[in-house]
Amino acid sequence: ARSRASITFRDILAASRWQPAPQHGYQCVSCCRVFPTLWSVKAHIQHSSQEGYSCKVYYRRLKALWEKEHKEQEAAAPRV
């Protein structure tokens, strides 16, 4: 259920941390389009299927993988 949660600005920024910083906006990591504001890239992701892209699916899957990895790290951490 959490993996179906909406994509947040923090998720977008976390996904793009390995990308070179665009000089004129924010890049969608899925389709590589550049948008002038963080809000506009989030709107693009939310409505990407209407534009013929699957960016929303990409970000949801990425978020689910991060949550799985986080849970695995917590389970592997030594208990004090």
C-alpha atoms as a PDB file:
ATOM      1  CA  ALA A   1       0.000   0.000   0.000  1.00  0.00           C
ATOM      2  CA  ARG A   2       2.835   2.425   0.805  1.00  0.00           C
ATOM      3  CA  SER A   3       4.408   1.833  -2.597  1.00  0.00           C
ATOM      4  CA  ARG A   4       1.174   3.188  -4.108  1.00  0.00           C
ATOM      5  CA  ALA A   5       1.596   6.414  -2.123  1.00  0.00           C
ATOM      6  CA  SER A   6       1.936   9.606  -4.069  1.00  0.00           C
ATOM      7  CA  ILE A   7       5.332  10.705  -5.293  1.00  0.00           C
ATOM      8  CA  THR A   8       6.719  13.533  -3.186  1.00  0.00           C
ATOM      9  CA  PHE A   9       9.172  16.318  -3.984  1.00  0.00           C
ATOM     10  CA  ARG A  10      11.670  14.504  -1.760  1.00  0.00           C
ATOM     11  CA  ASP A  11      11.287  11.357  -3.914  1.00  0.00           C
ATOM     12  CA  ILE A  12      11.936  13.371  -7.076  1.00  0.00           C
ATOM     13  CA  LEU A  13      15.043  15.006  -5.634  1.00  0.00           C
ATOM     14  CA  ALA A  14      16.333  11.704  -4.256  1.00  0.00           C
ATOM     15  CA  ALA A  15      15.921  10.024  -7.639  1.00  0.00           C
ATOM     16  CA  SER A  16      17.834  12.776  -9.365  1.00  0.00           C
ATOM     17  CA  ARG A  17      20.784  12.892  -6.984  1.00  0.00           C
ATOM     18  CA  TRP A  18      22.919  10.779  -9.356  1.00  0.00           C
ATOM     19  CA  GLN A  19      22.105  12.957 -12.359  1.00  0.00           C
ATOM     20  CA  PRO A  20      24.194  15.986 -13.240  1.00  0.00           C
ATOM     21  CA  ALA A  21      22.407  19.107 -12.030  1.00  0.00           C
ATOM     22  CA  PRO A  22      20.558  20.700 -14.932  1.00  0.00           C
ATOM     23  CA  GLN A  23      21.295  24.376 -15.295  1.00  0.00           C
ATOM     24  CA  HIS A  24      17.776  25.429 -16.221  1.00  0.00           C
ATOM     25  CA  GLY A  25      15.360  23.329 -14.204  1.00  0.00           C
ATOM     26  CA  TYR A  26      14.689  19.840 -12.914  1.00  0.00           C
ATOM     27  CA  GLN A  27      15.017  16.655 -14.907  1.00  0.00           C
ATOM     28  CA  CYS A  28      12.558  13.768 -14.829  1.00  0.00           C
ATOM     29  CA  VAL A  29      14.824  10.773 -14.253  1.00  0.00           C
ATOM     30  CA  SER A  30      12.462   8.511 -16.165  1.00  0.00           C
ATOM     31  CA  CYS A  31      12.090  10.329 -19.492  1.00  0.00           C
ATOM     32  CA  CYS A  32      14.972  12.848 -19.100  1.00  0.00           C
ATOM     33  CA  ARG A  33      12.784  15.854 -19.932  1.00  0.00           C
ATOM     34  CA  VAL A  34      13.771  19.060 -18.144  1.00  0.00           C
ATOM     35  CA  PHE A  35      11.162  21.228 -16.418  1.00  0.00           C
ATOM     36  CA  PRO A  36      11.546  24.784 -15.109  1.00  0.00           C
ATOM     37  CA  THR A  37      10.311  24.089 -11.564  1.00  0.00           C
ATOM     38  CA  LEU A  38      10.121  21.198  -9.145  1.00  0.00           C
ATOM     39  CA  TRP A  39       6.342  21.616  -9.122  1.00  0.00           C
ATOM     40  CA  SER A  40       6.178  21.235 -12.910  1.00  0.00           C
ATOM     41  CA  VAL A  41       8.206  18.006 -12.899  1.00  0.00           C
ATOM     42  CA  LYS A  42       5.937  16.620 -10.166  1.00  0.00           C
ATOM     43  CA  ALA A  43       2.845  17.551 -12.210  1.00  0.00           C
ATOM     44  CA  HIS A  44       4.432  15.869 -15.248  1.00  0.00           C
ATOM     45  CA  ILE A  45       5.033  12.677 -13.263  1.00  0.00           C
ATOM     46  CA  GLN A  46       1.466  12.639 -11.917  1.00  0.00           C
ATOM     47  CA  HIS A  47      -0.028  13.107 -15.418  1.00  0.00           C
ATOM     48  CA  SER A  48       2.633  11.334 -17.470  1.00  0.00           C
ATOM     49  CA  SER A  49       0.300   8.610 -18.739  1.00  0.00           C
ATOM     50  CA  GLN A  50      -1.874  11.276 -20.376  1.00  0.00           C
ATOM     51  CA  GLU A  51       1.250  12.508 -22.175  1.00  0.00           C
ATOM     52  CA  GLY A  52       2.254   9.035 -23.359  1.00  0.00           C
ATOM     53  CA  TYR A  53       4.981   8.474 -20.764  1.00  0.00           C
ATOM     54  CA  SER A  54       5.273   5.943 -17.934  1.00  0.00           C
ATOM     55  CA  CYS A  55       7.170   8.196 -15.517  1.00  0.00           C
ATOM     56  CA  LYS A  56       4.642   7.722 -12.706  1.00  0.00           C
ATOM     57  CA  VAL A  57       5.120   3.955 -12.893  1.00  0.00           C
ATOM     58  CA  TYR A  58       8.904   4.412 -12.855  1.00  0.00           C
ATOM     59  CA  TYR A  59       8.892   6.652  -9.772  1.00  0.00           C
ATOM     60  CA  ARG A  60       6.410   4.421  -7.919  1.00  0.00           C
ATOM     61  CA  ARG A  61       8.564   1.369  -8.612  1.00  0.00           C
ATOM     62  CA  LEU A  62      11.694   3.236  -7.558  1.00  0.00           C
ATOM     63  CA  LYS A  63       9.998   4.328  -4.330  1.00  0.00           C
ATOM     64  CA  ALA A  64       8.905   0.732  -3.631  1.00  0.00           C
ATOM     65  CA  LEU A  65      12.484  -0.490  -4.144  1.00  0.00           C
ATOM     66  CA  TRP A  66      13.824   2.179  -1.758  1.00  0.00           C
ATOM     67  CA  GLU A  67      11.272   1.179   0.892  1.00  0.00           C
ATOM     68  CA  LYS A  68      12.196  -2.498   0.464  1.00  0.00           C
ATOM     69  CA  GLU A  69      15.893  -1.680   0.757  1.00  0.00           C
ATOM     70  CA  HIS A  70      15.246   0.425   3.864  1.00  0.00           C
ATOM     71  CA  LYS A  71      13.313  -2.424   5.509  1.00  0.00           C
ATOM     72  CA  GLU A  72      16.102  -4.884   4.679  1.00  0.00           C
ATOM     73  CA  GLN A  73      18.702  -2.542   6.176  1.00  0.00           C
ATOM     74  CA  GLU A  74      16.639  -2.162   9.343  1.00  0.00           C
ATOM     75  CA  ALA A  75      16.257  -5.941   9.626  1.00  0.00           C
ATOM     76  CA  ALA A  76      20.005  -6.480   9.131  1.00  0.00           C
ATOM     77  CA  ALA A  77      21.023  -3.810  11.646  1.00  0.00           C
ATOM     78  CA  PRO A  78      22.304  -5.202  14.922  1.00  0.00           C
ATOM     79  CA  ARG A  79      19.854  -4.916  17.780  1.00  0.00           C
ATOM     80  CA  VAL A  80      21.145  -3.216  20.909  1.00  0.00           C
END
